[in-house]
Amino acid sequence: MFSPTSLLNALLDAPGTKALLQADAEYWRRFFADDGLPAARYLVIRHAAEGLAASSAVTPYLTADELNVARDALLDLTRSDPST
């Protein structure tokens, strides 16, 4: 699920959803922690990507070109030396 925050509020009242979301969140925490990037960096990248995904649905606020620029910047953060 990768924490689609903009949709979660609509789902929280469905039976079993909270347990499912907790398990999903723990999975992603382990997945990203095992990737080797510092926690501060992967948290910023992950949540920035989520914000971009949500913003891209509202086209006046994020153009395709802006999305491409932001995506490339986030990908660069995954490739750069974590000590910088």
N, C-alpha and C. Protein backbone atom coordinates (compact mmCIF):
# COMPACT_ATOMS: atom_id res chain seq x y z
N MET A 1 0.81 -1.19 0.00
CA MET A 1 0.00 0.00 0.00
C MET A 1 0.86 1.26 0.00
N PHE A 2 2.00 1.26 0.60
CA PHE A 2 2.92 2.39 0.67
C PHE A 2 2.28 3.65 1.19
N SER A 3 1.44 3.50 2.18
CA SER A 3 0.87 4.62 2.93
C SER A 3 0.25 5.72 2.08
N PRO A 4 -0.76 5.41 1.31
CA PRO A 4 -1.42 6.46 0.53
C PRO A 4 -2.28 7.33 1.46
N THR A 5 -1.65 8.25 2.15
CA THR A 5 -2.28 9.01 3.21
C THR A 5 -3.57 9.68 2.79
N SER A 6 -3.62 10.18 1.59
CA SER A 6 -4.83 10.89 1.16
C SER A 6 -6.06 9.98 1.09
N LEU A 7 -5.86 8.68 1.04
CA LEU A 7 -6.99 7.75 0.97
C LEU A 7 -7.29 7.05 2.29
N LEU A 8 -6.39 7.13 3.23
CA LEU A 8 -6.55 6.35 4.46
C LEU A 8 -7.75 6.75 5.30
N ASN A 9 -8.05 8.02 5.38
CA ASN A 9 -9.17 8.46 6.21
C ASN A 9 -10.48 7.80 5.80
N ALA A 10 -10.66 7.57 4.52
CA ALA A 10 -11.88 6.93 4.05
C ALA A 10 -11.93 5.45 4.41
N LEU A 11 -10.79 4.84 4.65
CA LEU A 11 -10.73 3.41 4.91
C LEU A 11 -10.66 3.03 6.38
N LEU A 12 -10.34 3.96 7.26
CA LEU A 12 -10.06 3.61 8.65
C LEU A 12 -11.22 2.98 9.40
N ASP A 13 -12.44 3.22 8.99
CA ASP A 13 -13.58 2.66 9.70
C ASP A 13 -13.98 1.27 9.22
N ALA A 14 -13.41 0.80 8.14
CA ALA A 14 -13.73 -0.54 7.63
C ALA A 14 -13.16 -1.59 8.57
N PRO A 15 -13.91 -2.65 8.85
CA PRO A 15 -13.42 -3.70 9.76
C PRO A 15 -12.10 -4.30 9.28
N GLY A 16 -11.17 -4.44 10.20
CA GLY A 16 -9.88 -5.06 9.90
C GLY A 16 -8.86 -4.13 9.29
N THR A 17 -9.26 -2.92 8.97
CA THR A 17 -8.36 -2.01 8.27
C THR A 17 -7.18 -1.58 9.13
N LYS A 18 -7.43 -1.27 10.39
CA LYS A 18 -6.35 -0.78 11.24
C LYS A 18 -5.24 -1.81 11.39
N ALA A 19 -5.60 -3.07 11.58
CA ALA A 19 -4.59 -4.12 11.71
C ALA A 19 -3.83 -4.31 10.40
N LEU A 20 -4.54 -4.27 9.30
CA LEU A 20 -3.90 -4.39 7.98
C LEU A 20 -2.92 -3.25 7.75
N LEU A 21 -3.34 -2.03 8.06
CA LEU A 21 -2.47 -0.88 7.85
C LEU A 21 -1.25 -0.92 8.77
N GLN A 22 -1.44 -1.38 10.00
CA GLN A 22 -0.30 -1.50 10.92
C GLN A 22 0.71 -2.50 10.38
N ALA A 23 0.25 -3.64 9.90
CA ALA A 23 1.15 -4.65 9.33
C ALA A 23 1.84 -4.11 8.08
N ASP A 24 1.10 -3.39 7.25
CA ASP A 24 1.68 -2.82 6.04
C ASP A 24 2.73 -1.77 6.38
N ALA A 25 2.45 -0.93 7.35
CA ALA A 25 3.41 0.10 7.76
C ALA A 25 4.69 -0.54 8.29
N GLU A 26 4.56 -1.59 9.08
CA GLU A 26 5.74 -2.28 9.61
C GLU A 26 6.56 -2.92 8.49
N TYR A 27 5.86 -3.50 7.52
CA TYR A 27 6.56 -4.08 6.36
C TYR A 27 7.42 -3.01 5.69
N TRP A 28 6.84 -1.85 5.39
CA TRP A 28 7.58 -0.80 4.69
C TRP A 28 8.71 -0.25 5.53
N ARG A 29 8.51 -0.14 6.85
CA ARG A 29 9.61 0.31 7.71
C ARG A 29 10.80 -0.65 7.60
N ARG A 30 10.55 -1.94 7.68
CA ARG A 30 11.62 -2.94 7.56
C ARG A 30 12.25 -2.88 6.17
N PHE A 31 11.43 -2.81 5.14
CA PHE A 31 11.91 -2.78 3.76
C PHE A 31 12.87 -1.61 3.54
N PHE A 32 12.46 -0.42 3.94
CA PHE A 32 13.31 0.74 3.74
C PHE A 32 14.53 0.72 4.65
N ALA A 33 14.40 0.25 5.86
CA ALA A 33 15.54 0.17 6.78
C ALA A 33 16.60 -0.77 6.23
N ASP A 34 16.17 -1.85 5.59
CA ASP A 34 17.11 -2.82 5.03
C ASP A 34 17.79 -2.33 3.75
N ASP A 35 17.32 -1.24 3.19
CA ASP A 35 17.87 -0.73 1.93
C ASP A 35 19.24 -0.08 2.09
N GLY A 36 19.58 0.33 3.30
CA GLY A 36 20.90 0.88 3.55
C GLY A 36 20.99 2.39 3.63
N LEU A 37 19.94 3.10 3.26
CA LEU A 37 19.97 4.55 3.40
C LEU A 37 19.71 4.92 4.86
N PRO A 38 20.26 6.04 5.30
CA PRO A 38 19.95 6.51 6.66
C PRO A 38 18.45 6.75 6.80
N ALA A 39 17.92 6.50 8.00
CA ALA A 39 16.48 6.64 8.23
C ALA A 39 15.97 8.03 7.87
N ALA A 40 16.71 9.07 8.25
CA ALA A 40 16.25 10.43 7.94
C ALA A 40 16.08 10.62 6.44
N ARG A 41 16.99 10.05 5.68
CA ARG A 41 16.93 10.23 4.23
C ARG A 41 15.77 9.44 3.63
N TYR A 42 15.61 8.17 4.00
CA TYR A 42 14.52 7.41 3.37
C TYR A 42 13.16 7.91 3.81
N LEU A 43 13.05 8.44 5.02
CA LEU A 43 11.76 8.99 5.45
C LEU A 43 11.40 10.23 4.64
N VAL A 44 12.37 11.10 4.41
CA VAL A 44 12.11 12.30 3.61
C VAL A 44 11.75 11.92 2.18
N ILE A 45 12.50 11.01 1.59
CA ILE A 45 12.24 10.58 0.22
C ILE A 45 10.87 9.92 0.11
N ARG A 46 10.58 9.02 1.01
CA ARG A 46 9.32 8.28 0.98
C ARG A 46 8.12 9.21 1.09
N HIS A 47 8.15 10.11 2.06
CA HIS A 47 7.00 10.97 2.27
C HIS A 47 6.92 12.09 1.24
N ALA A 48 8.05 12.52 0.71
CA ALA A 48 8.02 13.48 -0.39
C ALA A 48 7.40 12.84 -1.63
N ALA A 49 7.77 11.60 -1.90
CA ALA A 49 7.19 10.89 -3.05
C ALA A 49 5.69 10.72 -2.88
N GLU A 50 5.27 10.44 -1.66
CA GLU A 50 3.84 10.30 -1.39
C GLU A 50 3.12 11.63 -1.64
N GLY A 51 3.71 12.73 -1.20
CA GLY A 51 3.12 14.04 -1.43
C GLY A 51 3.04 14.38 -2.91
N LEU A 52 4.08 14.03 -3.64
CA LEU A 52 4.06 14.27 -5.09
C LEU A 52 2.97 13.45 -5.76
N ALA A 53 2.82 12.21 -5.33
CA ALA A 53 1.78 11.36 -5.91
C ALA A 53 0.40 11.95 -5.66
N ALA A 54 0.17 12.43 -4.44
CA ALA A 54 -1.13 13.03 -4.12
C ALA A 54 -1.33 14.33 -4.91
N SER A 55 -0.28 15.14 -5.01
CA SER A 55 -0.38 16.41 -5.73
C SER A 55 -0.59 16.22 -7.22
N SER A 56 -0.06 15.15 -7.76
CA SER A 56 -0.18 14.93 -9.20
C SER A 56 -1.62 14.67 -9.62
N ALA A 57 -2.47 14.29 -8.67
CA ALA A 57 -3.88 14.08 -8.97
C ALA A 57 -4.62 15.41 -9.14
N VAL A 58 -4.05 16.47 -8.62
CA VAL A 58 -4.64 17.81 -8.71
C VAL A 58 -3.77 18.59 -9.68
N THR A 59 -4.01 18.41 -10.95
CA THR A 59 -3.10 18.87 -12.00
C THR A 59 -2.71 20.35 -11.97
N PRO A 60 -3.56 21.28 -11.53
CA PRO A 60 -3.09 22.67 -11.54
C PRO A 60 -1.91 22.93 -10.59
N TYR A 61 -1.72 22.07 -9.61
CA TYR A 61 -0.70 22.32 -8.60
C TYR A 61 0.62 21.63 -8.87
N LEU A 62 0.66 20.72 -9.78
CA LEU A 62 1.90 20.03 -10.13
C LEU A 62 1.81 19.59 -11.58
N THR A 63 2.62 20.21 -12.41
CA THR A 63 2.62 19.85 -13.83
C THR A 63 3.44 18.58 -14.04
N ALA A 64 3.30 17.99 -15.20
CA ALA A 64 4.09 16.79 -15.52
C ALA A 64 5.58 17.10 -15.50
N ASP A 65 5.96 18.27 -16.00
CA ASP A 65 7.37 18.65 -15.97
C ASP A 65 7.88 18.81 -14.54
N GLU A 66 7.09 19.43 -13.69
CA GLU A 66 7.49 19.59 -12.28
C GLU A 66 7.61 18.24 -11.59
N LEU A 67 6.68 17.34 -11.89
CA LEU A 67 6.74 16.01 -11.31
C LEU A 67 8.02 15.29 -11.74
N ASN A 68 8.39 15.41 -13.00
CA ASN A 68 9.62 14.79 -13.49
C ASN A 68 10.85 15.36 -12.80
N VAL A 69 10.89 16.68 -12.63
CA VAL A 69 12.03 17.32 -11.96
C VAL A 69 12.12 16.83 -10.51
N ALA A 70 11.00 16.81 -9.82
CA ALA A 70 10.99 16.38 -8.42
C ALA A 70 11.35 14.90 -8.30
N ARG A 71 10.82 14.08 -9.19
CA ARG A 71 11.15 12.65 -9.17
C ARG A 71 12.64 12.44 -9.34
N ASP A 72 13.23 13.12 -10.31
CA ASP A 72 14.66 12.99 -10.54
C ASP A 72 15.47 13.43 -9.32
N ALA A 73 15.02 14.49 -8.66
CA ALA A 73 15.72 14.97 -7.46
C ALA A 73 15.65 13.93 -6.34
N LEU A 74 14.49 13.32 -6.17
CA LEU A 74 14.36 12.29 -5.13
C LEU A 74 15.21 11.06 -5.47
N LEU A 75 15.22 10.67 -6.72
CA LEU A 75 16.06 9.54 -7.12
C LEU A 75 17.53 9.85 -6.90
N ASP A 76 17.95 11.09 -7.16
CA ASP A 76 19.34 11.48 -6.90
C ASP A 76 19.69 11.30 -5.42
N LEU A 77 18.74 11.59 -4.55
CA LEU A 77 18.99 11.41 -3.11
C LEU A 77 19.23 9.95 -2.74
N THR A 78 18.67 9.04 -3.51
CA THR A 78 18.89 7.61 -3.21
C THR A 78 20.24 7.14 -3.71
N ARG A 79 20.83 7.88 -4.64
CA ARG A 79 22.10 7.47 -5.23
C ARG A 79 23.31 8.15 -4.61
N SER A 80 23.11 9.27 -3.95
CA SER A 80 24.24 10.04 -3.44
C SER A 80 24.79 9.42 -2.16
N ASP A 81 26.00 9.81 -1.84
CA ASP A 81 26.68 9.34 -0.64
C ASP A 81 25.89 9.79 0.59
N PRO A 82 25.42 8.85 1.41
CA PRO A 82 24.62 9.22 2.58
C PRO A 82 25.33 10.14 3.56
N SER A 83 26.65 10.24 3.48
CA SER A 83 27.37 11.10 4.42
C SER A 83 27.37 12.56 3.99
N THR A 84 26.86 12.84 2.78
CA THR A 84 26.85 14.23 2.31
C THR A 84 25.52 14.88 2.56
